N, C-alpha and C. Protein backbone atom coordinates (compact mmCIF):
# COMPACT_ATOMS: atom_id res chain seq x y z
N UNK A 1 67.39 111.55 87.82
CA UNK A 1 67.29 110.17 87.38
C UNK A 1 67.91 109.28 88.46
N UNK A 2 67.24 108.17 88.73
CA UNK A 2 67.72 107.27 89.77
C UNK A 2 68.90 106.44 89.27
N UNK A 3 69.61 105.85 90.21
CA UNK A 3 70.75 104.99 89.88
C UNK A 3 70.28 103.81 89.02
N UNK A 4 69.14 103.23 89.37
CA UNK A 4 68.61 102.10 88.62
C UNK A 4 68.26 102.48 87.19
N UNK A 5 67.70 103.68 87.01
CA UNK A 5 67.38 104.15 85.67
C UNK A 5 68.65 104.36 84.85
N UNK A 6 69.67 104.93 85.48
CA UNK A 6 70.93 105.14 84.78
C UNK A 6 71.54 103.80 84.35
N UNK A 7 71.41 102.78 85.20
CA UNK A 7 71.92 101.46 84.85
C UNK A 7 71.19 100.90 83.62
N UNK A 8 69.87 101.11 83.54
CA UNK A 8 69.13 100.67 82.35
C UNK A 8 69.62 101.39 81.11
N UNK A 9 69.81 102.70 81.22
CA UNK A 9 70.32 103.47 80.08
C UNK A 9 71.70 102.97 79.67
N UNK A 10 72.55 102.73 80.65
CA UNK A 10 73.90 102.24 80.35
C UNK A 10 73.84 100.88 79.64
N UNK A 11 72.96 100.00 80.10
CA UNK A 11 72.82 98.68 79.45
C UNK A 11 72.35 98.82 78.01
N UNK A 12 71.36 99.68 77.78
CA UNK A 12 70.85 99.87 76.43
C UNK A 12 71.92 100.46 75.52
N UNK A 13 72.68 101.42 76.04
CA UNK A 13 73.73 102.05 75.24
C UNK A 13 74.84 101.04 74.94
N UNK A 14 75.18 100.22 75.90
CA UNK A 14 76.20 99.20 75.67
C UNK A 14 75.74 98.22 74.59
N UNK A 15 74.46 97.86 74.61
CA UNK A 15 73.90 97.00 73.58
C UNK A 15 74.02 97.66 72.21
N UNK A 16 73.68 98.95 72.14
CA UNK A 16 73.82 99.71 70.90
C UNK A 16 75.28 99.71 70.44
N UNK A 17 76.20 99.99 71.35
CA UNK A 17 77.62 100.11 71.02
C UNK A 17 78.18 98.79 70.50
N UNK A 18 77.78 97.69 71.13
CA UNK A 18 78.33 96.38 70.78
C UNK A 18 77.55 95.66 69.69
N UNK A 19 76.44 96.22 69.25
CA UNK A 19 75.52 95.49 68.36
C UNK A 19 76.18 95.04 67.06
N UNK A 20 76.78 95.95 66.34
CA UNK A 20 77.48 95.63 65.11
C UNK A 20 78.23 96.86 64.64
N UNK A 21 79.25 96.67 63.84
CA UNK A 21 80.12 97.80 63.46
C UNK A 21 79.42 98.96 62.78
N UNK A 22 78.33 98.70 62.08
CA UNK A 22 77.68 99.79 61.36
C UNK A 22 76.41 100.27 62.05
N UNK A 23 76.36 100.08 63.38
CA UNK A 23 75.20 100.56 64.15
C UNK A 23 75.04 102.06 63.93
N UNK A 24 73.79 102.48 63.85
CA UNK A 24 73.43 103.88 63.61
C UNK A 24 74.54 104.86 63.96
N UNK A 25 75.14 105.38 62.95
CA UNK A 25 76.26 106.30 63.14
C UNK A 25 75.87 107.70 62.72
N UNK A 26 76.63 108.63 63.21
CA UNK A 26 76.44 110.03 62.83
C UNK A 26 77.51 110.36 61.80
N UNK A 27 77.08 111.02 60.75
CA UNK A 27 78.01 111.45 59.72
C UNK A 27 78.28 112.93 59.94
N UNK A 28 79.54 113.29 59.97
CA UNK A 28 79.88 114.70 60.13
C UNK A 28 81.02 115.05 59.20
N UNK A 29 81.05 116.30 58.87
CA UNK A 29 82.04 116.82 57.93
C UNK A 29 83.23 117.35 58.70
N UNK A 30 84.40 116.85 58.39
CA UNK A 30 85.63 117.34 59.00
C UNK A 30 86.63 117.64 57.89
N UNK A 31 86.92 118.88 57.73
CA UNK A 31 87.83 119.27 56.66
C UNK A 31 87.21 118.96 55.31
N UNK A 32 87.87 118.16 54.52
CA UNK A 32 87.37 117.85 53.18
C UNK A 32 86.78 116.44 53.09
N UNK A 33 86.57 115.78 54.23
CA UNK A 33 86.03 114.42 54.19
C UNK A 33 84.89 114.26 55.20
N UNK A 34 84.05 113.28 54.92
CA UNK A 34 83.01 112.90 55.87
C UNK A 34 83.54 111.77 56.72
N UNK A 35 83.27 111.82 58.00
CA UNK A 35 83.66 110.75 58.90
C UNK A 35 82.40 110.24 59.60
N UNK A 36 82.47 109.01 60.06
CA UNK A 36 81.34 108.46 60.81
C UNK A 36 81.81 108.13 62.22
N UNK A 37 80.88 108.19 63.11
CA UNK A 37 81.17 107.80 64.48
C UNK A 37 79.89 107.32 65.13
N UNK A 38 80.03 106.48 66.12
CA UNK A 38 78.85 106.07 66.87
C UNK A 38 78.41 107.23 67.75
N UNK A 39 77.15 107.25 68.08
CA UNK A 39 76.61 108.31 68.93
C UNK A 39 77.18 108.20 70.34
N UNK A 40 77.29 109.33 70.99
CA UNK A 40 77.60 109.33 72.41
C UNK A 40 76.36 108.86 73.16
N UNK A 41 76.50 108.56 74.43
CA UNK A 41 75.33 108.12 75.20
C UNK A 41 74.28 109.22 75.27
N UNK A 42 74.70 110.47 75.41
CA UNK A 42 73.73 111.58 75.44
C UNK A 42 72.98 111.69 74.11
N UNK A 43 73.68 111.55 73.00
CA UNK A 43 73.03 111.60 71.68
C UNK A 43 72.07 110.41 71.52
N UNK A 44 72.49 109.25 72.00
CA UNK A 44 71.65 108.05 71.95
C UNK A 44 70.36 108.28 72.73
N UNK A 45 70.47 108.81 73.93
CA UNK A 45 69.29 109.08 74.77
C UNK A 45 68.38 110.10 74.09
N UNK A 46 68.94 111.15 73.51
CA UNK A 46 68.14 112.16 72.80
C UNK A 46 67.37 111.53 71.64
N UNK A 47 68.03 110.64 70.91
CA UNK A 47 67.35 109.96 69.79
C UNK A 47 66.21 109.08 70.31
N UNK A 48 66.44 108.38 71.40
CA UNK A 48 65.40 107.54 71.98
C UNK A 48 64.19 108.39 72.37
N UNK A 49 64.45 109.55 72.95
CA UNK A 49 63.37 110.43 73.40
C UNK A 49 62.59 111.03 72.24
N UNK A 50 63.23 111.24 71.09
CA UNK A 50 62.60 112.00 70.01
C UNK A 50 62.20 111.16 68.80
N UNK A 51 62.68 109.94 68.69
CA UNK A 51 62.43 109.12 67.50
C UNK A 51 61.86 107.77 67.92
N UNK A 52 60.54 107.61 67.75
CA UNK A 52 59.87 106.38 68.17
C UNK A 52 60.43 105.13 67.50
N UNK A 53 60.75 105.24 66.21
CA UNK A 53 61.28 104.09 65.48
C UNK A 53 62.64 103.68 66.04
N UNK A 54 63.49 104.65 66.32
CA UNK A 54 64.81 104.38 66.91
C UNK A 54 64.64 103.77 68.30
N UNK A 55 63.73 104.33 69.08
CA UNK A 55 63.45 103.83 70.42
C UNK A 55 63.03 102.36 70.37
N UNK A 56 62.13 102.05 69.46
CA UNK A 56 61.65 100.67 69.31
C UNK A 56 62.78 99.75 68.86
N UNK A 57 63.61 100.22 67.94
CA UNK A 57 64.72 99.41 67.42
C UNK A 57 65.64 98.95 68.54
N UNK A 58 65.93 99.84 69.48
CA UNK A 58 66.87 99.52 70.56
C UNK A 58 66.19 99.07 71.84
N UNK A 59 64.85 99.00 71.83
CA UNK A 59 64.12 98.46 72.98
C UNK A 59 64.16 99.31 74.22
N UNK A 60 64.37 100.60 74.04
CA UNK A 60 64.46 101.52 75.18
C UNK A 60 63.41 102.60 75.03
N UNK A 61 62.66 102.84 76.09
CA UNK A 61 61.64 103.88 76.05
C UNK A 61 61.84 104.80 77.25
N UNK A 62 61.85 106.10 76.99
CA UNK A 62 62.01 107.10 78.04
C UNK A 62 60.84 108.07 77.93
N UNK A 63 60.09 108.16 79.01
CA UNK A 63 58.96 109.07 79.03
C UNK A 63 59.15 110.05 80.19
N UNK A 64 58.94 111.31 79.92
CA UNK A 64 59.00 112.34 80.94
C UNK A 64 57.73 113.15 80.86
N UNK A 65 57.15 113.41 82.02
CA UNK A 65 55.95 114.25 82.03
C UNK A 65 55.87 115.03 83.34
N UNK A 66 55.24 116.18 83.24
CA UNK A 66 55.02 117.01 84.41
C UNK A 66 53.93 116.36 85.26
N UNK A 67 54.04 116.49 86.57
CA UNK A 67 53.01 115.97 87.46
C UNK A 67 51.76 116.83 87.36
N UNK A 68 50.61 116.18 87.48
CA UNK A 68 49.36 116.94 87.47
C UNK A 68 49.13 117.53 88.87
N UNK A 69 48.09 118.33 89.03
CA UNK A 69 47.85 119.03 90.30
C UNK A 69 47.69 118.06 91.46
N UNK A 70 46.96 116.97 91.27
CA UNK A 70 46.77 115.99 92.35
C UNK A 70 48.11 115.38 92.77
N UNK A 71 48.93 115.02 91.79
CA UNK A 71 50.24 114.43 92.10
C UNK A 71 51.14 115.43 92.80
N UNK A 72 51.08 116.70 92.38
CA UNK A 72 51.87 117.74 93.03
C UNK A 72 51.44 117.94 94.48
N UNK A 73 50.13 117.89 94.72
CA UNK A 73 49.62 118.04 96.09
C UNK A 73 50.11 116.89 96.97
N UNK A 74 50.12 115.68 96.44
CA UNK A 74 50.62 114.52 97.20
C UNK A 74 52.10 114.69 97.48
N UNK A 75 52.86 115.11 96.48
CA UNK A 75 54.29 115.33 96.67
C UNK A 75 54.53 116.37 97.75
N UNK A 76 53.72 117.43 97.75
CA UNK A 76 53.86 118.48 98.77
C UNK A 76 53.56 117.94 100.16
N UNK A 77 52.57 117.03 100.27
CA UNK A 77 52.25 116.43 101.56
C UNK A 77 53.45 115.69 102.14
N UNK A 78 54.22 115.07 101.27
CA UNK A 78 55.40 114.32 101.69
C UNK A 78 56.66 115.19 101.67
N UNK A 79 56.44 116.50 101.51
CA UNK A 79 57.54 117.48 101.50
C UNK A 79 58.59 117.16 100.45
N UNK A 80 58.13 116.70 99.29
CA UNK A 80 59.01 116.45 98.16
C UNK A 80 58.91 117.63 97.19
N UNK A 81 59.97 117.88 96.47
CA UNK A 81 59.97 118.99 95.52
C UNK A 81 59.83 118.49 94.08
N UNK A 82 59.33 117.28 93.92
CA UNK A 82 59.19 116.69 92.59
C UNK A 82 58.16 117.44 91.77
N UNK A 83 58.44 117.57 90.47
CA UNK A 83 57.45 118.14 89.56
C UNK A 83 57.41 117.39 88.24
N UNK A 84 58.21 116.29 88.16
CA UNK A 84 58.26 115.54 86.91
C UNK A 84 58.38 114.05 87.22
N UNK A 85 57.70 113.24 86.41
CA UNK A 85 57.80 111.79 86.49
C UNK A 85 58.61 111.30 85.29
N UNK A 86 59.65 110.50 85.56
CA UNK A 86 60.47 109.92 84.50
C UNK A 86 60.30 108.41 84.55
N UNK A 87 59.91 107.82 83.42
CA UNK A 87 59.73 106.38 83.31
C UNK A 87 60.68 105.86 82.25
N UNK A 88 61.49 104.87 82.61
CA UNK A 88 62.41 104.25 81.67
C UNK A 88 62.09 102.77 81.61
N UNK A 89 61.93 102.26 80.39
CA UNK A 89 61.62 100.85 80.18
C UNK A 89 62.67 100.26 79.25
N UNK A 90 63.24 99.12 79.67
CA UNK A 90 64.23 98.41 78.85
C UNK A 90 64.22 96.95 79.27
N UNK A 91 64.21 96.06 78.28
CA UNK A 91 64.19 94.61 78.53
C UNK A 91 63.09 94.21 79.52
N UNK A 92 61.90 94.73 79.27
CA UNK A 92 60.72 94.44 80.11
C UNK A 92 60.89 94.87 81.56
N UNK A 93 61.80 95.75 81.84
CA UNK A 93 61.98 96.29 83.17
C UNK A 93 61.61 97.77 83.13
N UNK A 94 60.72 98.17 84.02
CA UNK A 94 60.21 99.54 84.04
C UNK A 94 60.53 100.16 85.38
N UNK A 95 61.17 101.35 85.34
CA UNK A 95 61.52 102.05 86.58
C UNK A 95 61.02 103.48 86.47
N UNK A 96 60.29 103.91 87.50
CA UNK A 96 59.79 105.27 87.56
C UNK A 96 60.50 106.02 88.68
N UNK A 97 60.73 107.29 88.43
CA UNK A 97 61.29 108.14 89.49
C UNK A 97 60.71 109.53 89.34
N UNK A 98 60.74 110.26 90.44
CA UNK A 98 60.23 111.63 90.46
C UNK A 98 61.40 112.59 90.60
N UNK A 99 61.32 113.66 89.86
CA UNK A 99 62.35 114.71 89.95
C UNK A 99 61.70 116.01 90.28
């Protein structure tokens, strides 16, 4: 993931964190009581990747896909070892990177 993509993720997570006190929390059992906590950034990113409604709610979209044969051939021409395209969109800003 590029530095610019990480900055978009950080901005989206900060928006989630600061949005309001009861922002989507995780409930977990500790001892004899349930506690709530906000998601970690990794949990937030996983939810964005797997839950379209959650992704839409927070305005963050993460798409990952394997490169097709033509794209792989082009990457090989440029001596790159990329095999995946990652696209992150947040606040109408879209950044693509190859891994």
